N, C-alpha and C. Protein backbone atom coordinates (compact mmCIF):
# COMPACT_ATOMS: atom_id res chain seq x y z
N MET A 1 -26.22 73.54 75.36
CA MET A 1 -25.16 74.57 75.95
C MET A 1 -24.21 73.84 76.95
N ALA A 2 -22.99 74.06 76.96
CA ALA A 2 -21.87 73.19 77.76
C ALA A 2 -20.76 74.25 78.08
N LEU A 3 -20.15 74.12 79.24
CA LEU A 3 -19.03 74.90 79.56
C LEU A 3 -17.74 74.05 79.83
N ILE A 4 -16.68 74.79 79.45
CA ILE A 4 -15.28 74.08 79.78
C ILE A 4 -14.35 75.22 80.06
N LYS A 5 -13.45 74.85 81.00
CA LYS A 5 -12.55 76.03 81.42
C LYS A 5 -11.31 75.56 81.05
N LYS A 6 -10.34 76.65 80.59
CA LYS A 6 -9.04 76.35 80.26
C LYS A 6 -8.26 77.59 80.32
N ASP A 7 -6.91 77.42 80.86
CA ASP A 7 -6.05 78.60 80.91
C ASP A 7 -5.70 79.23 79.66
N VAL A 8 -5.73 80.56 79.57
CA VAL A 8 -5.32 81.19 78.47
C VAL A 8 -4.47 82.46 78.91
N ILE A 9 -3.52 82.97 77.94
CA ILE A 9 -2.84 84.17 78.27
C ILE A 9 -3.42 85.30 77.35
N LEU A 10 -3.91 86.46 78.07
CA LEU A 10 -4.63 87.37 77.48
C LEU A 10 -3.40 88.47 77.19
N VAL A 11 -3.37 89.22 76.17
CA VAL A 11 -2.58 90.23 75.78
C VAL A 11 -3.38 91.37 75.17
N GLY A 12 -2.95 92.60 75.81
CA GLY A 12 -3.59 93.86 75.24
C GLY A 12 -2.66 94.88 75.15
N ALA A 13 -3.05 96.18 74.82
CA ALA A 13 -2.13 97.25 74.79
C ALA A 13 -1.61 97.70 75.90
N LYS A 14 -2.07 97.33 77.09
CA LYS A 14 -1.37 97.75 78.42
C LYS A 14 -0.89 96.63 79.15
N GLY A 15 -0.81 95.33 78.57
CA GLY A 15 -0.24 94.25 79.39
C GLY A 15 -0.69 92.91 78.96
N ARG A 16 -0.42 91.96 79.77
CA ARG A 16 -0.56 90.40 79.50
C ARG A 16 -0.81 89.78 80.93
N LYS A 17 -1.72 88.92 80.97
CA LYS A 17 -1.97 88.12 82.19
C LYS A 17 -2.45 86.79 81.83
N GLU A 18 -2.18 85.74 82.60
CA GLU A 18 -2.85 84.47 82.52
C GLU A 18 -3.96 84.32 83.33
N VAL A 19 -5.03 83.64 82.80
CA VAL A 19 -6.32 83.67 83.42
C VAL A 19 -7.00 82.36 83.01
N THR A 20 -7.93 81.96 83.72
CA THR A 20 -8.84 80.66 83.46
C THR A 20 -10.01 81.33 82.67
N ALA A 21 -10.14 80.94 81.40
CA ALA A 21 -11.24 81.35 80.53
C ALA A 21 -12.28 80.33 80.68
N LEU A 22 -13.60 80.71 80.66
CA LEU A 22 -14.82 79.76 80.50
C LEU A 22 -15.10 79.78 79.09
N PHE A 23 -15.10 78.71 78.33
CA PHE A 23 -15.66 78.47 77.13
C PHE A 23 -17.13 77.95 77.10
N ASP A 24 -17.99 78.99 76.58
CA ASP A 24 -19.35 78.66 76.91
C ASP A 24 -20.13 78.79 75.43
N SER A 25 -20.50 77.67 74.93
CA SER A 25 -21.20 77.52 73.78
C SER A 25 -22.50 78.03 73.65
N GLY A 26 -23.01 78.42 74.69
CA GLY A 26 -24.27 79.13 74.82
C GLY A 26 -24.14 80.61 74.85
N ALA A 27 -22.99 81.12 74.89
CA ALA A 27 -22.91 82.61 75.03
C ALA A 27 -22.73 83.19 73.64
N SER A 28 -23.52 84.26 73.24
CA SER A 28 -23.40 84.51 71.86
C SER A 28 -22.20 85.44 71.59
N TYR A 29 -21.61 86.17 72.50
CA TYR A 29 -20.37 86.92 72.42
C TYR A 29 -19.29 86.60 73.49
N SER A 30 -18.12 86.91 73.24
CA SER A 30 -17.01 86.80 74.22
C SER A 30 -17.16 88.09 74.99
N CYS A 31 -16.88 87.89 76.19
CA CYS A 31 -16.95 89.00 77.29
C CYS A 31 -15.90 88.91 78.24
N ILE A 32 -15.57 89.98 78.92
CA ILE A 32 -14.58 90.13 79.81
C ILE A 32 -14.98 91.10 80.99
N GLU A 33 -14.47 90.73 82.09
CA GLU A 33 -14.87 91.62 83.40
C GLU A 33 -14.12 92.88 83.39
N LYS A 34 -14.81 93.94 83.71
CA LYS A 34 -14.46 95.25 83.56
C LYS A 34 -13.03 95.54 84.07
N ARG A 35 -12.87 95.29 85.39
CA ARG A 35 -11.53 95.33 86.13
C ARG A 35 -10.50 94.81 85.22
N LEU A 36 -10.57 93.62 84.76
CA LEU A 36 -9.38 92.98 84.08
C LEU A 36 -9.31 93.44 82.79
N ALA A 37 -10.46 93.90 81.98
CA ALA A 37 -10.35 94.62 80.74
C ALA A 37 -9.59 96.09 80.91
N SER A 38 -9.72 96.58 82.10
CA SER A 38 -9.03 97.96 82.23
C SER A 38 -7.48 97.68 82.55
N GLU A 39 -7.14 96.63 83.04
CA GLU A 39 -5.77 96.34 83.26
C GLU A 39 -5.00 96.15 82.10
N LEU A 40 -5.72 95.38 81.09
CA LEU A 40 -5.11 94.96 79.87
C LEU A 40 -5.11 95.81 78.44
N ALA A 41 -6.33 96.59 78.37
CA ALA A 41 -6.56 97.38 77.20
C ALA A 41 -7.29 98.61 77.53
N HIS A 42 -7.40 99.46 76.47
CA HIS A 42 -8.13 100.80 76.51
C HIS A 42 -9.57 100.30 76.24
N LEU A 43 -10.51 100.82 77.25
CA LEU A 43 -11.91 100.50 76.90
C LEU A 43 -12.30 101.52 75.85
N GLU A 44 -13.06 100.69 74.82
CA GLU A 44 -13.64 101.71 73.80
C GLU A 44 -15.08 101.60 74.06
N PRO A 45 -15.68 102.83 74.01
CA PRO A 45 -17.25 102.93 74.11
C PRO A 45 -17.89 102.28 72.81
N LEU A 46 -18.87 101.57 73.11
CA LEU A 46 -19.83 101.03 71.96
C LEU A 46 -20.63 102.23 71.45
N ALA A 47 -20.93 102.22 70.21
CA ALA A 47 -21.86 103.06 69.69
C ALA A 47 -23.21 103.26 70.29
N GLU A 48 -23.58 102.04 70.69
CA GLU A 48 -24.83 101.79 71.57
C GLU A 48 -24.60 100.79 72.33
N PRO A 49 -25.25 100.94 73.51
CA PRO A 49 -25.30 99.84 74.69
C PRO A 49 -25.86 98.57 73.99
N MET A 50 -25.18 97.40 74.56
CA MET A 50 -25.75 96.19 74.19
C MET A 50 -26.34 95.56 75.39
N VAL A 51 -27.50 94.77 75.09
CA VAL A 51 -28.20 94.36 76.45
C VAL A 51 -28.20 92.96 76.31
N PHE A 52 -27.77 92.24 77.30
CA PHE A 52 -27.62 90.76 77.12
C PHE A 52 -28.53 90.00 78.31
N GLU A 53 -29.18 88.93 77.88
CA GLU A 53 -30.00 88.20 78.84
C GLU A 53 -28.94 87.28 79.42
N THR A 54 -29.12 86.87 80.83
CA THR A 54 -28.26 86.04 81.44
C THR A 54 -29.02 84.66 81.87
N ALA A 55 -28.29 83.76 82.36
CA ALA A 55 -29.00 82.49 82.80
C ALA A 55 -30.08 82.62 83.66
N GLU A 56 -30.03 83.58 84.64
CA GLU A 56 -30.94 83.82 85.72
C GLU A 56 -32.22 84.38 85.01
N ARG A 57 -33.19 83.82 85.27
CA ARG A 57 -34.59 84.25 84.73
C ARG A 57 -34.78 85.78 84.75
N GLU A 58 -35.13 86.43 83.71
CA GLU A 58 -35.57 87.73 83.70
C GLU A 58 -34.56 88.67 84.05
N SER A 59 -33.23 88.29 84.02
CA SER A 59 -32.06 89.11 84.33
C SER A 59 -31.25 89.59 83.12
N ILE A 60 -30.90 90.78 83.06
CA ILE A 60 -30.16 91.30 82.03
C ILE A 60 -28.86 92.09 82.55
N VAL A 61 -27.94 92.21 81.66
CA VAL A 61 -26.80 92.98 81.89
C VAL A 61 -26.64 93.93 80.71
N VAL A 62 -26.02 94.99 80.82
CA VAL A 62 -25.91 96.01 79.75
C VAL A 62 -24.35 96.33 79.61
N ALA A 63 -23.93 96.19 78.40
CA ALA A 63 -22.48 96.50 78.06
C ALA A 63 -22.44 97.76 77.34
N GLU A 64 -21.28 98.71 77.76
CA GLU A 64 -21.14 100.04 77.15
C GLU A 64 -19.90 99.98 76.59
N TYR A 65 -18.87 99.17 76.89
CA TYR A 65 -17.69 99.17 76.48
C TYR A 65 -17.22 97.86 75.76
N ARG A 66 -16.15 98.03 74.80
CA ARG A 66 -15.48 96.69 74.30
C ARG A 66 -13.93 97.14 74.29
N VAL A 67 -13.18 95.86 74.17
CA VAL A 67 -11.95 95.78 74.10
C VAL A 67 -11.44 94.75 72.96
N VAL A 68 -10.12 94.97 72.44
CA VAL A 68 -9.74 94.01 71.50
C VAL A 68 -8.44 93.44 72.21
N LEU A 69 -8.47 92.04 72.21
CA LEU A 69 -7.48 91.35 72.81
C LEU A 69 -6.79 90.18 72.12
N ASP A 70 -5.56 89.82 72.32
CA ASP A 70 -5.07 88.67 71.70
C ASP A 70 -5.26 87.61 72.85
N PHE A 71 -5.43 86.36 72.63
CA PHE A 71 -5.23 85.30 73.67
C PHE A 71 -4.50 84.03 72.98
N PHE A 72 -3.84 83.35 73.90
CA PHE A 72 -2.92 82.42 73.57
C PHE A 72 -3.36 81.15 74.43
N PHE A 73 -3.43 80.13 73.96
CA PHE A 73 -3.44 79.00 74.92
C PHE A 73 -1.98 78.60 75.61
N THR A 74 -2.01 78.09 76.58
CA THR A 74 -0.63 78.02 77.26
C THR A 74 0.27 76.86 76.70
N ASP A 75 -0.26 76.02 75.84
CA ASP A 75 0.55 75.00 75.18
C ASP A 75 0.79 75.08 73.73
N SER A 76 0.68 76.47 73.25
CA SER A 76 0.79 76.78 71.92
C SER A 76 1.14 78.21 71.61
N PRO A 77 1.97 78.34 70.72
CA PRO A 77 2.18 79.78 70.20
C PRO A 77 1.01 80.46 69.41
N ARG A 78 0.13 79.83 69.07
CA ARG A 78 -1.11 80.25 68.18
C ARG A 78 -1.79 81.45 68.63
N ARG A 79 -1.86 82.47 68.08
CA ARG A 79 -2.51 83.63 68.37
C ARG A 79 -3.80 83.87 67.97
N PHE A 80 -4.80 83.96 68.92
CA PHE A 80 -6.22 84.26 68.50
C PHE A 80 -6.55 85.86 68.85
N THR A 81 -7.24 86.47 68.02
CA THR A 81 -7.65 87.83 68.51
C THR A 81 -9.08 87.98 68.18
N ASP A 82 -9.68 88.81 69.08
CA ASP A 82 -11.21 88.99 68.94
C ASP A 82 -11.53 90.34 69.85
N GLU A 83 -12.65 90.72 69.53
CA GLU A 83 -13.43 91.83 70.33
C GLU A 83 -14.05 91.26 71.51
N LEU A 84 -13.89 91.69 72.60
CA LEU A 84 -14.68 91.31 73.86
C LEU A 84 -15.52 92.34 74.49
N VAL A 85 -16.80 92.03 74.70
CA VAL A 85 -17.62 92.99 75.44
C VAL A 85 -17.38 93.02 76.83
N VAL A 86 -17.21 94.38 77.24
CA VAL A 86 -16.95 94.47 78.76
C VAL A 86 -18.01 94.67 79.75
N ILE A 87 -18.13 93.59 80.62
CA ILE A 87 -19.27 93.43 81.63
C ILE A 87 -18.93 93.69 83.05
N GLU A 88 -19.28 94.73 83.65
CA GLU A 88 -19.04 95.00 85.06
C GLU A 88 -19.63 93.81 85.88
N GLY A 89 -18.85 93.37 86.82
CA GLY A 89 -19.43 92.22 87.81
C GLY A 89 -19.56 90.79 87.18
N LEU A 90 -18.91 90.50 86.04
CA LEU A 90 -19.09 89.34 85.35
C LEU A 90 -18.45 88.31 86.31
N SER A 91 -19.21 87.12 86.31
CA SER A 91 -18.85 86.00 87.29
C SER A 91 -17.57 85.42 86.85
N GLU A 92 -16.99 85.43 85.76
CA GLU A 92 -15.81 84.78 85.35
C GLU A 92 -14.82 85.98 84.88
N ASP A 93 -13.55 85.69 84.73
CA ASP A 93 -12.64 86.78 84.22
C ASP A 93 -12.88 87.03 82.85
N ILE A 94 -13.01 85.89 82.12
CA ILE A 94 -13.36 86.02 80.58
C ILE A 94 -14.32 84.90 80.19
N ILE A 95 -15.05 85.10 79.31
CA ILE A 95 -16.10 84.06 78.79
C ILE A 95 -15.83 84.03 77.30
N ILE A 96 -15.31 83.09 76.73
CA ILE A 96 -15.17 82.89 75.19
C ILE A 96 -16.38 82.27 74.64
N GLY A 97 -17.08 82.96 73.94
CA GLY A 97 -18.50 82.83 73.45
C GLY A 97 -18.48 82.27 71.96
N ALA A 98 -19.70 81.82 71.41
CA ALA A 98 -19.76 81.13 70.26
C ALA A 98 -19.03 81.88 68.99
N THR A 99 -19.30 83.10 69.08
CA THR A 99 -18.81 83.92 67.73
C THR A 99 -17.20 83.81 67.74
N THR A 100 -16.59 83.92 68.64
CA THR A 100 -15.13 83.68 68.76
C THR A 100 -14.63 82.27 68.43
N MET A 101 -15.46 81.31 68.96
CA MET A 101 -15.23 79.86 68.63
C MET A 101 -15.44 79.64 67.21
N GLN A 102 -16.48 80.08 66.56
CA GLN A 102 -16.69 79.83 65.10
C GLN A 102 -15.73 80.58 64.38
N LYS A 103 -15.38 81.70 64.61
CA LYS A 103 -14.34 82.50 63.98
C LYS A 103 -13.02 81.76 63.69
N TRP A 104 -12.45 81.30 64.82
CA TRP A 104 -11.32 80.73 64.95
C TRP A 104 -11.39 79.18 64.94
N LYS A 105 -12.57 78.60 64.72
CA LYS A 105 -12.74 76.99 64.52
C LYS A 105 -12.12 76.37 65.74
N ILE A 106 -12.79 77.02 66.92
CA ILE A 106 -12.30 76.28 68.11
C ILE A 106 -13.56 75.36 68.46
N ARG A 107 -13.31 74.01 68.85
CA ARG A 107 -14.39 73.09 69.17
C ARG A 107 -14.27 72.75 70.64
N LEU A 108 -15.36 72.30 71.20
CA LEU A 108 -15.42 71.86 72.67
C LEU A 108 -15.67 70.33 72.59
N ASP A 109 -14.87 69.50 73.24
CA ASP A 109 -15.11 68.28 73.33
C ASP A 109 -15.63 67.72 74.73
N PHE A 110 -16.83 67.83 74.92
CA PHE A 110 -17.51 67.64 76.23
C PHE A 110 -17.31 66.18 76.80
N ASP A 111 -17.09 65.23 76.12
CA ASP A 111 -16.64 63.98 76.66
C ASP A 111 -15.37 63.97 77.42
N ARG A 112 -14.54 64.53 76.72
CA ARG A 112 -13.08 64.71 77.29
C ARG A 112 -12.90 65.95 78.17
N GLU A 113 -13.76 66.83 77.97
CA GLU A 113 -13.82 68.22 78.78
C GLU A 113 -12.54 68.93 78.11
N GLU A 114 -12.45 68.85 76.84
CA GLU A 114 -11.33 69.66 76.14
C GLU A 114 -11.56 70.77 75.18
N VAL A 115 -10.82 71.67 75.14
CA VAL A 115 -10.92 72.70 74.09
C VAL A 115 -9.98 72.33 73.00
N ILE A 116 -10.65 72.27 71.61
CA ILE A 116 -9.82 71.72 70.56
C ILE A 116 -9.77 72.72 69.65
N TYR A 117 -8.35 73.01 69.13
CA TYR A 117 -7.99 74.01 68.12
C TYR A 117 -6.60 73.47 67.52
N ASP A 118 -6.35 74.06 66.35
CA ASP A 118 -5.15 73.63 65.63
C ASP A 118 -3.85 74.37 66.29
N ARG A 119 -3.07 73.49 66.88
CA ARG A 119 -2.04 74.16 67.50
C ARG A 119 -0.75 74.54 66.57
N LYS A 120 -0.93 74.06 65.25
CA LYS A 120 0.24 74.30 64.30
C LYS A 120 -0.20 75.47 63.34
N MET A 121 -1.47 75.78 63.29
CA MET A 121 -2.00 76.75 62.37
C MET A 121 -1.44 78.12 62.58
N GLN A 122 -0.65 78.65 61.71
CA GLN A 122 -0.06 80.16 61.91
C GLN A 122 -0.36 80.92 60.85
N ARG A 123 -0.85 80.56 59.71
CA ARG A 123 -1.14 81.38 58.67
C ARG A 123 -2.20 82.44 58.93
N LEU A 124 -2.02 83.66 58.75
CA LEU A 124 -3.03 84.65 58.65
C LEU A 124 -3.27 85.15 57.54
N ARG A 125 -4.55 85.23 56.91
CA ARG A 125 -4.96 85.69 55.71
C ARG A 125 -5.75 86.91 55.50
N ILE A 126 -5.51 87.78 54.46
CA ILE A 126 -6.47 88.92 54.43
C ILE A 126 -7.08 88.97 53.19
């Protein structure tokens, strides 16, 4: 597990904001702090709460909401979209987890401390 930070622009139904995202290869899901999620999107209740373990021993957090947001890297018009689990009191504004990185083929270069993605890819398929 390793962590890299990179600025992203978040876009939701209620607004947009530039934040520093934590890319965490050890996080199962992408998540967002509740205050920020409420600013940018409408909170959608989960059908059932999700319980997550944290890095702190025997500590858990419970998520009851989710949001759908687009995000852009500040150096590219490439649009990424995903569901983020809303966590109240999250230590970061947003954490991009393994499922989002796998979905969009985002890789982390730990030697250079870079987030790698295709800056030119614009084709969306259904």
